[in-house]
């Protein structure tokens, strides 16, 4: 069940005929994020304390990734693609 307001907003953005496709894509995106978080949490414990300072906490790793992505967006050719 979805709220009437939510359905109306979806319909206004993508149209009623595209509603199911939109909802499916949104669910797939959310599940992808959850899978990435779970994978990240499994990997975090594999690195010995202090080995990689950027990976010490979830927050420091997120900041490190943001900085890498910004470098890539800024056109730094030394930065590999990170999604």
C-alpha atoms as a PDB file:
ATOM      1  CA  UNK A   1       0.000   0.000   0.000  1.00  0.00           C
ATOM      2  CA  UNK A   2       1.261   3.445  -0.919  1.00  0.00           C
ATOM      3  CA  UNK A   3      -0.170   6.724   0.278  1.00  0.00           C
ATOM      4  CA  UNK A   4      -2.384   8.663  -2.079  1.00  0.00           C
ATOM      5  CA  UNK A   5      -0.015  11.664  -1.899  1.00  0.00           C
ATOM      6  CA  UNK A   6       2.961   9.516  -2.882  1.00  0.00           C
ATOM      7  CA  UNK A   7       1.090   7.982  -5.812  1.00  0.00           C
ATOM      8  CA  UNK A   8      -0.059  11.404  -6.991  1.00  0.00           C
ATOM      9  CA  UNK A   9       3.501  12.728  -6.904  1.00  0.00           C
ATOM     10  CA  UNK A  10       4.821   9.707  -8.818  1.00  0.00           C
ATOM     11  CA  UNK A  11       2.057  10.078 -11.390  1.00  0.00           C
ATOM     12  CA  UNK A  12       2.721  13.788 -11.792  1.00  0.00           C
ATOM     13  CA  UNK A  13       6.407  13.099 -12.443  1.00  0.00           C
ATOM     14  CA  UNK A  14       6.331   9.980 -14.620  1.00  0.00           C
ATOM     15  CA  UNK A  15       2.673   9.447 -15.507  1.00  0.00           C
ATOM     16  CA  UNK A  16       0.309   6.760 -14.307  1.00  0.00           C
ATOM     17  CA  UNK A  17       1.297   4.413 -17.145  1.00  0.00           C
ATOM     18  CA  UNK A  18       4.948   4.472 -15.968  1.00  0.00           C
ATOM     19  CA  UNK A  19       4.150   4.130 -12.256  1.00  0.00           C
ATOM     20  CA  UNK A  20       5.032   0.414 -11.920  1.00  0.00           C
ATOM     21  CA  UNK A  21       8.278   0.829 -13.824  1.00  0.00           C
ATOM     22  CA  UNK A  22       9.239   3.798 -11.644  1.00  0.00           C
ATOM     23  CA  UNK A  23       8.447   1.929  -8.422  1.00  0.00           C
ATOM     24  CA  UNK A  24      10.402  -1.126  -9.574  1.00  0.00           C
ATOM     25  CA  UNK A  25      13.450   1.007 -10.435  1.00  0.00           C
ATOM     26  CA  UNK A  26      13.234   2.776  -7.071  1.00  0.00           C
ATOM     27  CA  UNK A  27      13.131  -0.556  -5.235  1.00  0.00           C
ATOM     28  CA  UNK A  28      16.077  -1.875  -7.262  1.00  0.00           C
ATOM     29  CA  UNK A  29      18.103   1.258  -6.454  1.00  0.00           C
ATOM     30  CA  UNK A  30      17.334   0.971  -2.740  1.00  0.00           C
ATOM     31  CA  UNK A  31      18.219  -2.732  -2.668  1.00  0.00           C
ATOM     32  CA  UNK A  32      21.471  -1.953  -4.479  1.00  0.00           C
ATOM     33  CA  UNK A  33      22.364   0.612  -1.810  1.00  0.00           C
ATOM     34  CA  UNK A  34      21.545  -1.881   0.952  1.00  0.00           C
ATOM     35  CA  UNK A  35      23.735  -4.521  -0.719  1.00  0.00           C
ATOM     36  CA  UNK A  36      26.627  -2.059  -0.985  1.00  0.00           C
ATOM     37  CA  UNK A  37      26.296  -1.117   2.688  1.00  0.00           C
ATOM     38  CA  UNK A  38      26.273  -4.780   3.688  1.00  0.00           C
ATOM     39  CA  UNK A  39      29.346  -5.485   1.539  1.00  0.00           C
ATOM     40  CA  UNK A  40      31.111  -2.454   2.996  1.00  0.00           C
ATOM     41  CA  UNK A  41      30.364  -3.594   6.529  1.00  0.00           C
ATOM     42  CA  UNK A  42      31.791  -7.064   5.763  1.00  0.00           C
ATOM     43  CA  UNK A  43      34.996  -5.539   4.352  1.00  0.00           C
ATOM     44  CA  UNK A  44      35.544  -2.984   7.127  1.00  0.00           C
ATOM     45  CA  UNK A  45      36.597  -5.651   9.604  1.00  0.00           C
ATOM     46  CA  UNK A  46      39.163  -7.179   7.235  1.00  0.00           C
ATOM     47  CA  UNK A  47      41.608  -4.292   7.454  1.00  0.00           C
ATOM     48  CA  UNK A  48      43.843  -4.265  10.536  1.00  0.00           C
ATOM     49  CA  UNK A  49      43.529  -1.212  12.772  1.00  0.00           C
ATOM     50  CA  UNK A  50      45.585   1.652  11.422  1.00  0.00           C
ATOM     51  CA  UNK A  51      46.496  -0.033   8.123  1.00  0.00           C
ATOM     52  CA  UNK A  52      44.315   2.279   6.075  1.00  0.00           C
ATOM     53  CA  UNK A  53      43.360   5.437   7.998  1.00  0.00           C
ATOM     54  CA  UNK A  54      40.661   6.290   5.452  1.00  0.00           C
ATOM     55  CA  UNK A  55      38.890   3.007   6.316  1.00  0.00           C
ATOM     56  CA  UNK A  56      38.960   3.317  10.102  1.00  0.00           C
ATOM     57  CA  UNK A  57      35.316   4.330  10.396  1.00  0.00           C
ATOM     58  CA  UNK A  58      32.305   4.341   8.161  1.00  0.00           C
ATOM     59  CA  UNK A  59      32.379   8.139   8.189  1.00  0.00           C
ATOM     60  CA  UNK A  60      36.071   8.419   7.273  1.00  0.00           C
ATOM     61  CA  UNK A  61      35.582   5.965   4.423  1.00  0.00           C
ATOM     62  CA  UNK A  62      32.563   7.876   3.134  1.00  0.00           C
ATOM     63  CA  UNK A  63      34.569  11.114   3.220  1.00  0.00           C
ATOM     64  CA  UNK A  64      37.470   9.447   1.411  1.00  0.00           C
ATOM     65  CA  UNK A  65      35.106   8.213  -1.325  1.00  0.00           C
ATOM     66  CA  UNK A  66      33.507  11.671  -1.636  1.00  0.00           C
ATOM     67  CA  UNK A  67      36.956  13.212  -2.099  1.00  0.00           C
ATOM     68  CA  UNK A  68      37.898  10.641  -4.747  1.00  0.00           C
ATOM     69  CA  UNK A  69      34.662  11.215  -6.622  1.00  0.00           C
ATOM     70  CA  UNK A  70      35.167  14.985  -6.470  1.00  0.00           C
ATOM     71  CA  UNK A  71      38.687  14.606  -7.854  1.00  0.00           C
ATOM     72  CA  UNK A  72      37.282  12.535 -10.705  1.00  0.00           C
ATOM     73  CA  UNK A  73      34.576  15.123 -11.396  1.00  0.00           C
ATOM     74  CA  UNK A  74      37.222  17.844 -11.348  1.00  0.00           C
ATOM     75  CA  UNK A  75      39.022  16.007 -14.120  1.00  0.00           C
ATOM     76  CA  UNK A  76      41.971  14.589 -12.193  1.00  0.00           C
ATOM     77  CA  UNK A  77      43.307  11.909 -14.591  1.00  0.00           C
ATOM     78  CA  UNK A  78      45.051  10.035 -11.756  1.00  0.00           C
ATOM     79  CA  UNK A  79      41.764   9.025 -10.141  1.00  0.00           C
ATOM     80  CA  UNK A  80      40.157   5.755 -11.192  1.00  0.00           C
ATOM     81  CA  UNK A  81      36.399   5.609 -11.680  1.00  0.00           C
ATOM     82  CA  UNK A  82      34.569   4.966  -8.413  1.00  0.00           C
ATOM     83  CA  UNK A  83      30.812   4.533  -8.371  1.00  0.00           C
END
